[in-house]
Amino acid sequence: QVQLVESGGGYVQAGASLRLSCAASGLAFNMHSMAWFRQVPGKDREFVSAINYNGADTYYADSVKGRFTISRDNAKNTGYLQMNSLNPEDTATYYCAAGRFNSWSQDRDRRIDSNYAYWGQGTQVTVSS
């Protein structure tokens, strides 16, 4: 079955960096777009970043643009989220997701969590001030 396993979360101070990884199995990873979402208790899941199947196109939430970088290594079936200049507002559980999109899919489509078929269990990121 399909599995997405996140790792790399942790507890850091403001200004620090973390690199999240998402190891995929059971699916044709190189045919799926990948995304990162985050969620804090009591709030809706929030789009963070997405990358298309071959890494040519990337998408970011305004709140992380310039600080976070999404990437993927299809040879390793793994996606990454490099997070720099972390601040307490970045504290959340981070989830990776995978889904397939048509060539005519719009930017906004990739920011909607229901468009992703597969999800990991999440990794906690806590940033102290």
Foldseek 3Di string as FASTA:
>chain_A
DKAWAKDWADEEAAQAKIKMKIAIDDDQQLQKKKFKWWDDPPDDIFGAKIAGSNRPDIDGDPVQPPFWDKGDDSVRNMIMIIGGRDDQVPWTWMKMFIAHDDPPDDPVLVGDPVRTDDIHPTDTHGYHD
